[in-house]
Amino acid sequence: MSRKIVSMQIRVTDDVRKRAKVVAKKHGLTLSELVLQLLANTGDKELKSLVNKELQERPKPGRPWDKNN
């Protein structure tokens, strides 16, 4: 089943983005995954369910042919 993926943008300073990337990497996440997890923790059950589904279905970053090793 194909999913339609759209973009979300937030405006932050370069320092905030750099620090967020460091924090995400420390937790073994991409920046997008970190933001999605934070959205899931807002207390809204439907949003949490949607985010969890998205994180489970989302392909991991990197080249797909390198993932068989």
N, C-alpha and C. Protein backbone atom coordinates (compact mmCIF):
# COMPACT_ATOMS: atom_id res chain seq x y z
N MET A 1 0.85 -1.18 0.00
CA MET A 1 0.00 0.00 0.00
C MET A 1 0.89 1.23 0.00
N SER A 2 0.61 2.15 -0.90
CA SER A 2 1.42 3.36 -0.99
C SER A 2 0.86 4.44 -0.07
N ARG A 3 1.77 5.16 0.54
CA ARG A 3 1.37 6.23 1.46
C ARG A 3 1.80 7.55 0.86
N LYS A 4 0.99 8.57 1.03
CA LYS A 4 1.35 9.89 0.57
C LYS A 4 2.15 10.57 1.68
N ILE A 5 3.36 10.97 1.37
CA ILE A 5 4.24 11.63 2.33
C ILE A 5 4.27 13.12 2.01
N VAL A 6 4.07 13.94 3.02
CA VAL A 6 4.12 15.39 2.86
C VAL A 6 5.21 15.96 3.76
N SER A 7 5.58 17.20 3.52
CA SER A 7 6.62 17.85 4.31
C SER A 7 6.01 18.76 5.36
N MET A 8 6.72 18.85 6.49
CA MET A 8 6.40 19.82 7.53
C MET A 8 7.68 20.60 7.77
N GLN A 9 7.55 21.88 7.92
CA GLN A 9 8.74 22.69 8.19
C GLN A 9 8.54 23.50 9.45
N ILE A 10 9.62 23.65 10.21
CA ILE A 10 9.60 24.57 11.34
C ILE A 10 10.77 25.51 11.17
N ARG A 11 10.60 26.71 11.64
CA ARG A 11 11.65 27.72 11.53
C ARG A 11 12.37 27.83 12.87
N VAL A 12 13.65 27.53 12.86
CA VAL A 12 14.48 27.61 14.05
C VAL A 12 15.85 28.16 13.65
N THR A 13 16.59 28.57 14.65
CA THR A 13 17.95 29.03 14.38
C THR A 13 18.84 27.84 14.06
N ASP A 14 19.96 28.11 13.46
CA ASP A 14 20.92 27.06 13.11
C ASP A 14 21.42 26.35 14.37
N ASP A 15 21.60 27.09 15.45
CA ASP A 15 22.06 26.48 16.71
C ASP A 15 21.06 25.47 17.24
N VAL A 16 19.77 25.80 17.17
CA VAL A 16 18.74 24.87 17.64
C VAL A 16 18.76 23.61 16.78
N ARG A 17 18.84 23.75 15.48
CA ARG A 17 18.86 22.60 14.57
C ARG A 17 20.07 21.72 14.84
N LYS A 18 21.23 22.33 14.99
CA LYS A 18 22.44 21.55 15.25
C LYS A 18 22.33 20.77 16.55
N ARG A 19 21.84 21.42 17.60
CA ARG A 19 21.71 20.73 18.89
C ARG A 19 20.67 19.61 18.82
N ALA A 20 19.56 19.86 18.12
CA ALA A 20 18.53 18.84 17.97
C ALA A 20 19.08 17.62 17.24
N LYS A 21 19.92 17.84 16.24
CA LYS A 21 20.52 16.71 15.52
C LYS A 21 21.44 15.91 16.43
N VAL A 22 22.19 16.61 17.30
CA VAL A 22 23.07 15.91 18.25
C VAL A 22 22.25 15.06 19.21
N VAL A 23 21.17 15.63 19.73
CA VAL A 23 20.31 14.91 20.67
C VAL A 23 19.68 13.70 19.98
N ALA A 24 19.20 13.88 18.76
CA ALA A 24 18.59 12.78 18.02
C ALA A 24 19.60 11.66 17.80
N LYS A 25 20.80 12.02 17.39
CA LYS A 25 21.83 11.01 17.13
C LYS A 25 22.19 10.26 18.42
N LYS A 26 22.23 10.99 19.54
CA LYS A 26 22.55 10.37 20.83
C LYS A 26 21.52 9.30 21.18
N HIS A 27 20.28 9.50 20.74
CA HIS A 27 19.20 8.54 21.01
C HIS A 27 19.01 7.53 19.86
N GLY A 28 19.90 7.57 18.88
CA GLY A 28 19.81 6.64 17.76
C GLY A 28 18.65 6.93 16.82
N LEU A 29 18.28 8.20 16.71
CA LEU A 29 17.15 8.61 15.87
C LEU A 29 17.60 9.60 14.80
N THR A 30 16.78 9.73 13.78
CA THR A 30 16.96 10.84 12.86
C THR A 30 16.26 12.05 13.46
N LEU A 31 16.53 13.20 12.91
CA LEU A 31 15.88 14.41 13.40
C LEU A 31 14.36 14.32 13.22
N SER A 32 13.92 13.78 12.11
CA SER A 32 12.48 13.61 11.87
C SER A 32 11.85 12.67 12.89
N GLU A 33 12.54 11.57 13.21
CA GLU A 33 12.02 10.63 14.19
C GLU A 33 11.93 11.27 15.58
N LEU A 34 12.92 12.10 15.92
CA LEU A 34 12.88 12.80 17.21
C LEU A 34 11.68 13.73 17.29
N VAL A 35 11.45 14.48 16.23
CA VAL A 35 10.31 15.41 16.21
C VAL A 35 9.00 14.64 16.29
N LEU A 36 8.89 13.53 15.57
CA LEU A 36 7.67 12.72 15.62
C LEU A 36 7.44 12.17 17.02
N GLN A 37 8.49 11.72 17.68
CA GLN A 37 8.33 11.21 19.05
C GLN A 37 7.87 12.32 19.99
N LEU A 38 8.40 13.50 19.81
CA LEU A 38 7.97 14.62 20.66
C LEU A 38 6.52 14.98 20.39
N LEU A 39 6.09 14.90 19.14
CA LEU A 39 4.68 15.14 18.82
C LEU A 39 3.79 14.09 19.49
N ALA A 40 4.26 12.87 19.53
CA ALA A 40 3.48 11.79 20.13
C ALA A 40 3.29 11.98 21.63
N ASN A 41 4.16 12.75 22.26
CA ASN A 41 4.10 12.94 23.70
C ASN A 41 3.31 14.18 24.12
N THR A 42 2.43 14.66 23.26
CA THR A 42 1.63 15.84 23.59
C THR A 42 0.43 15.51 24.46
N GLY A 43 0.09 14.24 24.56
CA GLY A 43 -1.06 13.85 25.37
C GLY A 43 -2.29 13.53 24.53
N ASP A 44 -2.22 13.74 23.23
CA ASP A 44 -3.34 13.43 22.34
C ASP A 44 -3.23 11.97 21.89
N LYS A 45 -4.21 11.15 22.26
CA LYS A 45 -4.15 9.71 21.97
C LYS A 45 -4.16 9.42 20.48
N GLU A 46 -4.98 10.15 19.72
CA GLU A 46 -5.05 9.90 18.27
C GLU A 46 -3.73 10.26 17.59
N LEU A 47 -3.14 11.40 17.97
CA LEU A 47 -1.85 11.80 17.40
C LEU A 47 -0.78 10.78 17.75
N LYS A 48 -0.78 10.32 18.98
CA LYS A 48 0.21 9.32 19.41
C LYS A 48 0.07 8.04 18.59
N SER A 49 -1.16 7.60 18.37
CA SER A 49 -1.40 6.40 17.59
C SER A 49 -0.92 6.58 16.14
N LEU A 50 -1.22 7.72 15.55
CA LEU A 50 -0.79 8.00 14.17
C LEU A 50 0.73 8.06 14.06
N VAL A 51 1.36 8.70 15.02
CA VAL A 51 2.83 8.81 15.00
C VAL A 51 3.47 7.45 15.18
N ASN A 52 2.96 6.65 16.10
CA ASN A 52 3.52 5.31 16.31
C ASN A 52 3.38 4.46 15.06
N LYS A 53 2.25 4.57 14.37
CA LYS A 53 2.05 3.83 13.12
C LYS A 53 3.05 4.31 12.07
N GLU A 54 3.23 5.63 11.99
CA GLU A 54 4.17 6.20 11.03
C GLU A 54 5.60 5.71 11.31
N LEU A 55 6.00 5.71 12.55
CA LEU A 55 7.36 5.28 12.90
C LEU A 55 7.57 3.81 12.60
N GLN A 56 6.55 2.98 12.76
CA GLN A 56 6.68 1.56 12.46
C GLN A 56 6.77 1.31 10.95
N GLU A 57 6.02 2.07 10.17
CA GLU A 57 5.96 1.84 8.73
C GLU A 57 7.07 2.56 7.97
N ARG A 58 7.69 3.53 8.58
CA ARG A 58 8.68 4.36 7.91
C ARG A 58 9.94 3.56 7.60
N PRO A 59 10.42 3.66 6.36
CA PRO A 59 11.68 2.97 6.04
C PRO A 59 12.84 3.65 6.76
N LYS A 60 13.81 2.87 7.17
CA LYS A 60 14.98 3.42 7.85
C LYS A 60 15.84 4.16 6.82
N PRO A 61 16.56 5.18 7.28
CA PRO A 61 17.41 5.93 6.35
C PRO A 61 18.58 5.09 5.86
N GLY A 62 19.10 5.46 4.73
CA GLY A 62 20.25 4.76 4.16
C GLY A 62 19.88 4.04 2.89
N ARG A 63 20.84 3.40 2.34
CA ARG A 63 20.64 2.67 1.08
C ARG A 63 20.00 1.33 1.39
N PRO A 64 18.91 1.01 0.69
CA PRO A 64 18.21 -0.25 0.98
C PRO A 64 19.07 -1.49 0.71
N TRP A 65 19.98 -1.42 -0.25
CA TRP A 65 20.78 -2.60 -0.58
C TRP A 65 21.88 -2.84 0.46
N ASP A 66 22.16 -1.87 1.34
CA ASP A 66 23.15 -2.06 2.41
C ASP A 66 22.52 -2.69 3.65
N LYS A 67 21.21 -2.84 3.70
CA LYS A 67 20.54 -3.27 4.91
C LYS A 67 20.48 -4.78 5.07
N ASN A 68 20.91 -5.52 4.06
CA ASN A 68 20.88 -6.99 4.14
C ASN A 68 22.06 -7.54 4.91
N ASN A 69 23.04 -6.72 5.21
CA ASN A 69 24.25 -7.19 5.91
C ASN A 69 24.07 -7.16 7.41
